[in-house]
Amino acid sequence: MENTQSEFGTSKPENKKVVAGIFGILLGALGIHKFYLGYTKEGIIQILLNLLCGLGSLIGLIEGIIYLTKTDEDFYQTYQVGRKPWF
């Protein structure tokens, strides 16, 4: 049995795609997916948008679908490394 670097070497940080996508679809109005990804300011903005005009849940739904349709690597690079806060 070989012990290769790729199997047991330095690991890449967790990809949060699936959890963020589900949070966006189910709890998008509360901006939970934003808070989960570390976008506190954007999460607060999303809550305010939902309270003021109801757009928070629509944005969460759209973002959740976008998150889940991206490849794992694309999601990781865009939202976790690149820190793109909206869509």
PDB file of N, CA and C in Angstrom:
ATOM      1  N   MET A   1       0.853  -1.176   0.000  1.00  0.00           N
ATOM      2  CA  MET A   1       0.000   0.000   0.000  1.00  0.00           C
ATOM      3  C   MET A   1       0.901   1.241   0.000  1.00  0.00           C
ATOM      4  N   GLU A   2       0.709   2.087  -0.984  1.00  0.00           N
ATOM      5  CA  GLU A   2       1.526   3.289  -1.099  1.00  0.00           C
ATOM      6  C   GLU A   2       0.857   4.464  -0.386  1.00  0.00           C
ATOM      7  N   ASN A   3       1.660   5.261   0.227  1.00  0.00           N
ATOM      8  CA  ASN A   3       1.174   6.463   0.899  1.00  0.00           C
ATOM      9  C   ASN A   3       1.584   7.660   0.040  1.00  0.00           C
ATOM     10  N   THR A   4       0.677   8.133  -0.778  1.00  0.00           N
ATOM     11  CA  THR A   4       1.015   9.222  -1.696  1.00  0.00           C
ATOM     12  C   THR A   4       0.677  10.567  -1.087  1.00  0.00           C
ATOM     13  N   GLN A   5       1.379  11.556  -1.569  1.00  0.00           N
ATOM     14  CA  GLN A   5       1.163  12.924  -1.092  1.00  0.00           C
ATOM     15  C   GLN A   5      -0.258  13.392  -1.377  1.00  0.00           C
ATOM     16  N   SER A   6      -0.821  13.008  -2.511  1.00  0.00           N
ATOM     17  CA  SER A   6      -2.160  13.467  -2.871  1.00  0.00           C
ATOM     18  C   SER A   6      -3.229  12.902  -1.947  1.00  0.00           C
ATOM     19  N   GLU A   7      -2.993  11.690  -1.418  1.00  0.00           N
ATOM     20  CA  GLU A   7      -3.984  11.103  -0.529  1.00  0.00           C
ATOM     21  C   GLU A   7      -3.890  11.645   0.897  1.00  0.00           C
ATOM     22  N   PHE A   8      -2.665  11.848   1.375  1.00  0.00           N
ATOM     23  CA  PHE A   8      -2.489  12.212   2.772  1.00  0.00           C
ATOM     24  C   PHE A   8      -1.705  13.501   2.973  1.00  0.00           C
ATOM     25  N   GLY A   9      -1.438  14.223   1.904  1.00  0.00           N
ATOM     26  CA  GLY A   9      -0.670  15.462   1.997  1.00  0.00           C
ATOM     27  C   GLY A   9      -1.518  16.600   2.523  1.00  0.00           C
ATOM     28  N   THR A  10      -1.046  17.790   2.259  1.00  0.00           N
ATOM     29  CA  THR A  10      -1.787  18.958   2.715  1.00  0.00           C
ATOM     30  C   THR A  10      -3.159  18.967   2.061  1.00  0.00           C
ATOM     31  N   SER A  11      -4.167  19.207   2.839  1.00  0.00           N
ATOM     32  CA  SER A  11      -5.523  19.170   2.316  1.00  0.00           C
ATOM     33  C   SER A  11      -6.016  20.571   1.987  1.00  0.00           C
ATOM     34  N   LYS A  12      -6.877  20.614   1.017  1.00  0.00           N
ATOM     35  CA  LYS A  12      -7.496  21.862   0.594  1.00  0.00           C
ATOM     36  C   LYS A  12      -8.619  22.204   1.580  1.00  0.00           C
ATOM     37  N   PRO A  13      -8.847  23.485   1.871  1.00  0.00           N
ATOM     38  CA  PRO A  13      -9.950  23.852   2.769  1.00  0.00           C
ATOM     39  C   PRO A  13     -11.287  23.332   2.239  1.00  0.00           C
ATOM     40  N   GLU A  14     -12.210  23.153   3.129  1.00  0.00           N
ATOM     41  CA  GLU A  14     -13.524  22.607   2.807  1.00  0.00           C
ATOM     42  C   GLU A  14     -14.241  23.438   1.748  1.00  0.00           C
ATOM     43  N   ASN A  15     -14.830  22.758   0.778  1.00  0.00           N
ATOM     44  CA  ASN A  15     -15.668  23.416  -0.217  1.00  0.00           C
ATOM     45  C   ASN A  15     -17.079  23.497   0.364  1.00  0.00           C
ATOM     46  N   LYS A  16     -17.595  24.692   0.477  1.00  0.00           N
ATOM     47  CA  LYS A  16     -18.877  24.925   1.145  1.00  0.00           C
ATOM     48  C   LYS A  16     -20.046  25.024   0.164  1.00  0.00           C
ATOM     49  N   LYS A  17     -19.879  24.551  -1.054  1.00  0.00           N
ATOM     50  CA  LYS A  17     -20.854  24.725  -2.125  1.00  0.00           C
ATOM     51  C   LYS A  17     -22.235  24.173  -1.789  1.00  0.00           C
ATOM     52  N   VAL A  18     -22.328  22.907  -1.418  1.00  0.00           N
ATOM     53  CA  VAL A  18     -23.627  22.267  -1.221  1.00  0.00           C
ATOM     54  C   VAL A  18     -24.388  22.905  -0.058  1.00  0.00           C
ATOM     55  N   VAL A  19     -23.720  23.096   1.055  1.00  0.00           N
ATOM     56  CA  VAL A  19     -24.388  23.682   2.225  1.00  0.00           C
ATOM     57  C   VAL A  19     -24.833  25.114   1.920  1.00  0.00           C
ATOM     58  N   ALA A  20     -23.965  25.902   1.289  1.00  0.00           N
ATOM     59  CA  ALA A  20     -24.326  27.284   0.946  1.00  0.00           C
ATOM     60  C   ALA A  20     -25.483  27.315  -0.036  1.00  0.00           C
ATOM     61  N   GLY A  21     -25.493  26.414  -0.999  1.00  0.00           N
ATOM     62  CA  GLY A  21     -26.588  26.354  -1.970  1.00  0.00           C
ATOM     63  C   GLY A  21     -27.920  26.019  -1.321  1.00  0.00           C
ATOM     64  N   ILE A  22     -27.913  25.043  -0.431  1.00  0.00           N
ATOM     65  CA  ILE A  22     -29.145  24.663   0.269  1.00  0.00           C
ATOM     66  C   ILE A  22     -29.607  25.792   1.188  1.00  0.00           C
ATOM     67  N   PHE A  23     -28.675  26.406   1.901  1.00  0.00           N
ATOM     68  CA  PHE A  23     -29.037  27.551   2.739  1.00  0.00           C
ATOM     69  C   PHE A  23     -29.632  28.671   1.889  1.00  0.00           C
ATOM     70  N   GLY A  24     -29.056  28.938   0.724  1.00  0.00           N
ATOM     71  CA  GLY A  24     -29.566  29.987  -0.148  1.00  0.00           C
ATOM     72  C   GLY A  24     -30.991  29.717  -0.585  1.00  0.00           C
ATOM     73  N   ILE A  25     -31.266  28.471  -0.956  1.00  0.00           N
ATOM     74  CA  ILE A  25     -32.612  28.119  -1.427  1.00  0.00           C
ATOM     75  C   ILE A  25     -33.623  28.116  -0.289  1.00  0.00           C
ATOM     76  N   LEU A  26     -33.266  27.511   0.837  1.00  0.00           N
ATOM     77  CA  LEU A  26     -34.232  27.359   1.933  1.00  0.00           C
ATOM     78  C   LEU A  26     -34.303  28.552   2.884  1.00  0.00           C
ATOM     79  N   LEU A  27     -33.172  29.200   3.136  1.00  0.00           N
ATOM     80  CA  LEU A  27     -33.123  30.274   4.126  1.00  0.00           C
ATOM     81  C   LEU A  27     -32.580  31.570   3.529  1.00  0.00           C
ATOM     82  N   GLY A  28     -32.742  31.733   2.234  1.00  0.00           N
ATOM     83  CA  GLY A  28     -32.186  32.889   1.538  1.00  0.00           C
ATOM     84  C   GLY A  28     -32.695  34.223   2.047  1.00  0.00           C
ATOM     85  N   ALA A  29     -33.923  34.262   2.498  1.00  0.00           N
ATOM     86  CA  ALA A  29     -34.486  35.515   2.993  1.00  0.00           C
ATOM     87  C   ALA A  29     -33.730  36.033   4.211  1.00  0.00           C
ATOM     88  N   LEU A  30     -33.134  35.133   4.966  1.00  0.00           N
ATOM     89  CA  LEU A  30     -32.384  35.511   6.160  1.00  0.00           C
ATOM     90  C   LEU A  30     -30.898  35.710   5.880  1.00  0.00           C
ATOM     91  N   GLY A  31     -30.494  35.460   4.651  1.00  0.00           N
ATOM     92  CA  GLY A  31     -29.095  35.647   4.275  1.00  0.00           C
ATOM     93  C   GLY A  31     -28.143  34.652   4.918  1.00  0.00           C
ATOM     94  N   ILE A  32     -28.671  33.520   5.362  1.00  0.00           N
ATOM     95  CA  ILE A  32     -27.849  32.536   6.072  1.00  0.00           C
ATOM     96  C   ILE A  32     -26.686  32.063   5.207  1.00  0.00           C
ATOM     97  N   HIS A  33     -26.919  31.901   3.910  1.00  0.00           N
ATOM     98  CA  HIS A  33     -25.836  31.446   3.027  1.00  0.00           C
ATOM     99  C   HIS A  33     -24.702  32.467   2.965  1.00  0.00           C
ATOM    100  N   LYS A  34     -25.038  33.745   3.075  1.00  0.00           N
ATOM    101  CA  LYS A  34     -24.004  34.792   3.092  1.00  0.00           C
ATOM    102  C   LYS A  34     -23.163  34.700   4.367  1.00  0.00           C
ATOM    103  N   PHE A  35     -23.832  34.558   5.499  1.00  0.00           N
ATOM    104  CA  PHE A  35     -23.123  34.433   6.770  1.00  0.00           C
ATOM    105  C   PHE A  35     -22.252  33.173   6.777  1.00  0.00           C
ATOM    106  N   TYR A  36     -22.759  32.077   6.225  1.00  0.00           N
ATOM    107  CA  TYR A  36     -22.020  30.818   6.173  1.00  0.00           C
ATOM    108  C   TYR A  36     -20.724  30.961   5.370  1.00  0.00           C
ATOM    109  N   LEU A  37     -20.767  31.764   4.308  1.00  0.00           N
ATOM    110  CA  LEU A  37     -19.583  31.976   3.480  1.00  0.00           C
ATOM    111  C   LEU A  37     -18.679  33.088   4.027  1.00  0.00           C
ATOM    112  N   GLY A  38     -19.113  33.746   5.106  1.00  0.00           N
ATOM    113  CA  GLY A  38     -18.287  34.774   5.726  1.00  0.00           C
ATOM    114  C   GLY A  38     -18.558  36.179   5.231  1.00  0.00           C
ATOM    115  N   TYR A  39     -19.657  36.384   4.524  1.00  0.00           N
ATOM    116  CA  TYR A  39     -20.028  37.707   4.011  1.00  0.00           C
ATOM    117  C   TYR A  39     -21.034  38.352   4.955  1.00  0.00           C
ATOM    118  N   THR A  40     -20.563  38.834   6.096  1.00  0.00           N
ATOM    119  CA  THR A  40     -21.455  39.378   7.121  1.00  0.00           C
ATOM    120  C   THR A  40     -22.197  40.612   6.635  1.00  0.00           C
ATOM    121  N   LYS A  41     -21.492  41.561   6.042  1.00  0.00           N
ATOM    122  CA  LYS A  41     -22.130  42.794   5.561  1.00  0.00           C
ATOM    123  C   LYS A  41     -23.222  42.479   4.535  1.00  0.00           C
ATOM    124  N   GLU A  42     -22.927  41.583   3.606  1.00  0.00           N
ATOM    125  CA  GLU A  42     -23.904  41.228   2.578  1.00  0.00           C
ATOM    126  C   GLU A  42     -25.099  40.473   3.172  1.00  0.00           C
ATOM    127  N   GLY A  43     -24.851  39.668   4.212  1.00  0.00           N
ATOM    128  CA  GLY A  43     -25.945  38.974   4.891  1.00  0.00           C
ATOM    129  C   GLY A  43     -26.909  39.952   5.548  1.00  0.00           C
ATOM    130  N   ILE A  44     -26.360  40.974   6.184  1.00  0.00           N
ATOM    131  CA  ILE A  44     -27.207  42.004   6.803  1.00  0.00           C
ATOM    132  C   ILE A  44     -27.987  42.765   5.731  1.00  0.00           C
ATOM    133  N   ILE A  45     -27.333  43.083   4.629  1.00  0.00           N
ATOM    134  CA  ILE A  45     -28.020  43.768   3.520  1.00  0.00           C
ATOM    135  C   ILE A  45     -29.159  42.902   3.007  1.00  0.00           C
ATOM    136  N   GLN A  46     -28.933  41.605   2.887  1.00  0.00           N
ATOM    137  CA  GLN A  46     -29.980  40.706   2.385  1.00  0.00           C
ATOM    138  C   GLN A  46     -31.171  40.651   3.341  1.00  0.00           C
ATOM    139  N   ILE A  47     -30.923  40.639   4.640  1.00  0.00           N
ATOM    140  CA  ILE A  47     -32.023  40.671   5.612  1.00  0.00           C
ATOM    141  C   ILE A  47     -32.815  41.964   5.459  1.00  0.00           C
ATOM    142  N   LEU A  48     -32.108  43.091   5.332  1.00  0.00           N
ATOM    143  CA  LEU A  48     -32.794  44.381   5.168  1.00  0.00           C
ATOM    144  C   LEU A  48     -33.600  44.425   3.872  1.00  0.00           C
ATOM    145  N   LEU A  49     -33.045  43.885   2.789  1.00  0.00           N
ATOM    146  CA  LEU A  49     -33.785  43.839   1.526  1.00  0.00           C
ATOM    147  C   LEU A  49     -35.062  43.024   1.670  1.00  0.00           C
ATOM    148  N   ASN A  50     -34.982  41.946   2.421  1.00  0.00           N
ATOM    149  CA  ASN A  50     -36.173  41.121   2.615  1.00  0.00           C
ATOM    150  C   ASN A  50     -37.218  41.854   3.461  1.00  0.00           C
ATOM    151  N   LEU A  51     -36.775  42.560   4.474  1.00  0.00           N
ATOM    152  CA  LEU A  51     -37.717  43.293   5.328  1.00  0.00           C
ATOM    153  C   LEU A  51     -38.355  44.473   4.600  1.00  0.00           C
ATOM    154  N   LEU A  52     -37.563  45.159   3.775  1.00  0.00           N
ATOM    155  CA  LEU A  52     -38.054  46.363   3.108  1.00  0.00           C
ATOM    156  C   LEU A  52     -38.915  46.076   1.880  1.00  0.00           C
ATOM    157  N   CYS A  53     -38.505  45.106   1.068  1.00  0.00           N
ATOM    158  CA  CYS A  53     -39.260  44.898  -0.167  1.00  0.00           C
ATOM    159  C   CYS A  53     -39.422  43.440  -0.562  1.00  0.00           C
ATOM    160  N   GLY A  54     -38.965  42.511   0.248  1.00  0.00           N
ATOM    161  CA  GLY A  54     -39.156  41.098  -0.037  1.00  0.00           C
ATOM    162  C   GLY A  54     -38.203  40.501  -1.066  1.00  0.00           C
ATOM    163  N   LEU A  55     -37.180  41.240  -1.475  1.00  0.00           N
ATOM    164  CA  LEU A  55     -36.261  40.733  -2.498  1.00  0.00           C
ATOM    165  C   LEU A  55     -35.226  39.758  -1.946  1.00  0.00           C
ATOM    166  N   GLY A  56     -35.035  39.723  -0.655  1.00  0.00           N
ATOM    167  CA  GLY A  56     -34.017  38.861  -0.065  1.00  0.00           C
ATOM    168  C   GLY A  56     -34.210  37.397  -0.377  1.00  0.00           C
ATOM    169  N   SER A  57     -35.456  36.931  -0.341  1.00  0.00           N
ATOM    170  CA  SER A  57     -35.702  35.515  -0.612  1.00  0.00           C
ATOM    171  C   SER A  57     -35.477  35.171  -2.077  1.00  0.00           C
ATOM    172  N   LEU A  58     -35.814  36.081  -2.978  1.00  0.00           N
ATOM    173  CA  LEU A  58     -35.583  35.851  -4.406  1.00  0.00           C
ATOM    174  C   LEU A  58     -34.083  35.800  -4.702  1.00  0.00           C
ATOM    175  N   ILE A  59     -33.331  36.706  -4.118  1.00  0.00           N
ATOM    176  CA  ILE A  59     -31.877  36.714  -4.300  1.00  0.00           C
ATOM    177  C   ILE A  59     -31.280  35.424  -3.756  1.00  0.00           C
ATOM    178  N   GLY A  60     -31.723  34.994  -2.583  1.00  0.00           N
ATOM    179  CA  GLY A  60     -31.231  33.748  -1.998  1.00  0.00           C
ATOM    180  C   GLY A  60     -31.524  32.549  -2.872  1.00  0.00           C
ATOM    181  N   LEU A  61     -32.719  32.488  -3.433  1.00  0.00           N
ATOM    182  CA  LEU A  61     -33.086  31.385  -4.319  1.00  0.00           C
ATOM    183  C   LEU A  61     -32.188  31.351  -5.548  1.00  0.00           C
ATOM    184  N   ILE A  62     -32.003  32.505  -6.173  1.00  0.00           N
ATOM    185  CA  ILE A  62     -31.165  32.588  -7.371  1.00  0.00           C
ATOM    186  C   ILE A  62     -29.727  32.207  -7.045  1.00  0.00           C
ATOM    187  N   GLU A  63     -29.196  32.757  -5.961  1.00  0.00           N
ATOM    188  CA  GLU A  63     -27.814  32.449  -5.594  1.00  0.00           C
ATOM    189  C   GLU A  63     -27.647  30.978  -5.227  1.00  0.00           C
ATOM    190  N   GLY A  64     -28.616  30.404  -4.529  1.00  0.00           N
ATOM    191  CA  GLY A  64     -28.534  28.983  -4.184  1.00  0.00           C
ATOM    192  C   GLY A  64     -28.461  28.109  -5.414  1.00  0.00           C
ATOM    193  N   ILE A  65     -29.262  28.431  -6.417  1.00  0.00           N
ATOM    194  CA  ILE A  65     -29.237  27.670  -7.667  1.00  0.00           C
ATOM    195  C   ILE A  65     -27.902  27.859  -8.381  1.00  0.00           C
ATOM    196  N   ILE A  66     -27.406  29.083  -8.411  1.00  0.00           N
ATOM    197  CA  ILE A  66     -26.105  29.353  -9.044  1.00  0.00           C
ATOM    198  C   ILE A  66     -25.006  28.564  -8.337  1.00  0.00           C
ATOM    199  N   TYR A  67     -25.011  28.581  -7.019  1.00  0.00           N
ATOM    200  CA  TYR A  67     -23.993  27.858  -6.261  1.00  0.00           C
ATOM    201  C   TYR A  67     -23.997  26.371  -6.624  1.00  0.00           C
ATOM    202  N   LEU A  68     -25.184  25.774  -6.655  1.00  0.00           N
ATOM    203  CA  LEU A  68     -25.282  24.339  -6.876  1.00  0.00           C
ATOM    204  C   LEU A  68     -24.982  23.925  -8.316  1.00  0.00           C
ATOM    205  N   THR A  69     -25.104  24.850  -9.273  1.00  0.00           N
ATOM    206  CA  THR A  69     -24.837  24.502 -10.669  1.00  0.00           C
ATOM    207  C   THR A  69     -23.378  24.721 -11.063  1.00  0.00           C
ATOM    208  N   LYS A  70     -22.604  25.387 -10.236  1.00  0.00           N
ATOM    209  CA  LYS A  70     -21.180  25.573 -10.519  1.00  0.00           C
ATOM    210  C   LYS A  70     -20.416  24.296 -10.185  1.00  0.00           C
ATOM    211  N   THR A  71     -19.280  24.109 -10.846  1.00  0.00           N
ATOM    212  CA  THR A  71     -18.424  22.990 -10.469  1.00  0.00           C
ATOM    213  C   THR A  71     -17.833  23.283  -9.088  1.00  0.00           C
ATOM    214  N   ASP A  72     -17.386  22.235  -8.426  1.00  0.00           N
ATOM    215  CA  ASP A  72     -16.801  22.417  -7.098  1.00  0.00           C
ATOM    216  C   ASP A  72     -15.620  23.388  -7.137  1.00  0.00           C
ATOM    217  N   GLU A  73     -14.748  23.212  -8.106  1.00  0.00           N
ATOM    218  CA  GLU A  73     -13.561  24.062  -8.208  1.00  0.00           C
ATOM    219  C   GLU A  73     -13.931  25.501  -8.541  1.00  0.00           C
ATOM    220  N   ASP A  74     -14.902  25.684  -9.460  1.00  0.00           N
ATOM    221  CA  ASP A  74     -15.329  27.038  -9.837  1.00  0.00           C
ATOM    222  C   ASP A  74     -15.952  27.755  -8.642  1.00  0.00           C
ATOM    223  N   PHE A  75     -16.811  27.053  -7.894  1.00  0.00           N
ATOM    224  CA  PHE A  75     -17.412  27.648  -6.696  1.00  0.00           C
ATOM    225  C   PHE A  75     -16.335  28.036  -5.695  1.00  0.00           C
ATOM    226  N   TYR A  76     -15.417  27.114  -5.443  1.00  0.00           N
ATOM    227  CA  TYR A  76     -14.352  27.359  -4.469  1.00  0.00           C
ATOM    228  C   TYR A  76     -13.533  28.591  -4.859  1.00  0.00           C
ATOM    229  N   GLN A  77     -13.119  28.653  -6.120  1.00  0.00           N
ATOM    230  CA  GLN A  77     -12.295  29.769  -6.584  1.00  0.00           C
ATOM    231  C   GLN A  77     -13.061  31.090  -6.583  1.00  0.00           C
ATOM    232  N   THR A  78     -14.336  31.058  -6.941  1.00  0.00           N
ATOM    233  CA  THR A  78     -15.132  32.287  -7.048  1.00  0.00           C
ATOM    234  C   THR A  78     -15.560  32.836  -5.701  1.00  0.00           C
ATOM    235  N   TYR A  79     -16.127  31.991  -4.851  1.00  0.00           N
ATOM    236  CA  TYR A  79     -16.764  32.480  -3.624  1.00  0.00           C
ATOM    237  C   TYR A  79     -15.930  32.307  -2.357  1.00  0.00           C
ATOM    238  N   GLN A  80     -15.007  31.362  -2.346  1.00  0.00           N
ATOM    239  CA  GLN A  80     -14.206  31.152  -1.147  1.00  0.00           C
ATOM    240  C   GLN A  80     -12.823  31.783  -1.275  1.00  0.00           C
ATOM    241  N   VAL A  81     -12.219  31.695  -2.445  1.00  0.00           N
ATOM    242  CA  VAL A  81     -10.906  32.296  -2.649  1.00  0.00           C
ATOM    243  C   VAL A  81     -11.066  33.723  -3.153  1.00  0.00           C
ATOM    244  N   GLY A  82     -11.873  33.903  -4.205  1.00  0.00           N
ATOM    245  CA  GLY A  82     -12.055  35.225  -4.819  1.00  0.00           C
ATOM    246  C   GLY A  82     -12.970  36.157  -4.060  1.00  0.00           C
ATOM    247  N   ARG A  83     -13.751  35.601  -3.123  1.00  0.00           N
ATOM    248  CA  ARG A  83     -14.642  36.391  -2.255  1.00  0.00           C
ATOM    249  C   ARG A  83     -15.618  37.270  -3.041  1.00  0.00           C
ATOM    250  N   LYS A  84     -16.279  36.700  -4.053  1.00  0.00           N
ATOM    251  CA  LYS A  84     -17.303  37.421  -4.818  1.00  0.00           C
ATOM    252  C   LYS A  84     -18.600  37.406  -4.013  1.00  0.00           C
ATOM    253  N   PRO A  85     -19.073  38.561  -3.527  1.00  0.00           N
ATOM    254  CA  PRO A  85     -20.197  38.551  -2.587  1.00  0.00           C
ATOM    255  C   PRO A  85     -21.599  38.400  -3.213  1.00  0.00           C
ATOM    256  N   TRP A  86     -21.805  38.801  -4.441  1.00  0.00           N
ATOM    257  CA  TRP A  86     -23.145  38.747  -5.037  1.00  0.00           C
ATOM    258  C   TRP A  86     -23.115  37.971  -6.353  1.00  0.00           C
ATOM    259  N   PHE A  87     -24.109  37.154  -6.535  1.00  0.00           N
ATOM    260  CA  PHE A  87     -24.324  36.347  -7.740  1.00  0.00           C
ATOM    261  C   PHE A  87     -23.015  35.804  -8.225  1.00  0.00           C
TER     262      PHE A  87
END
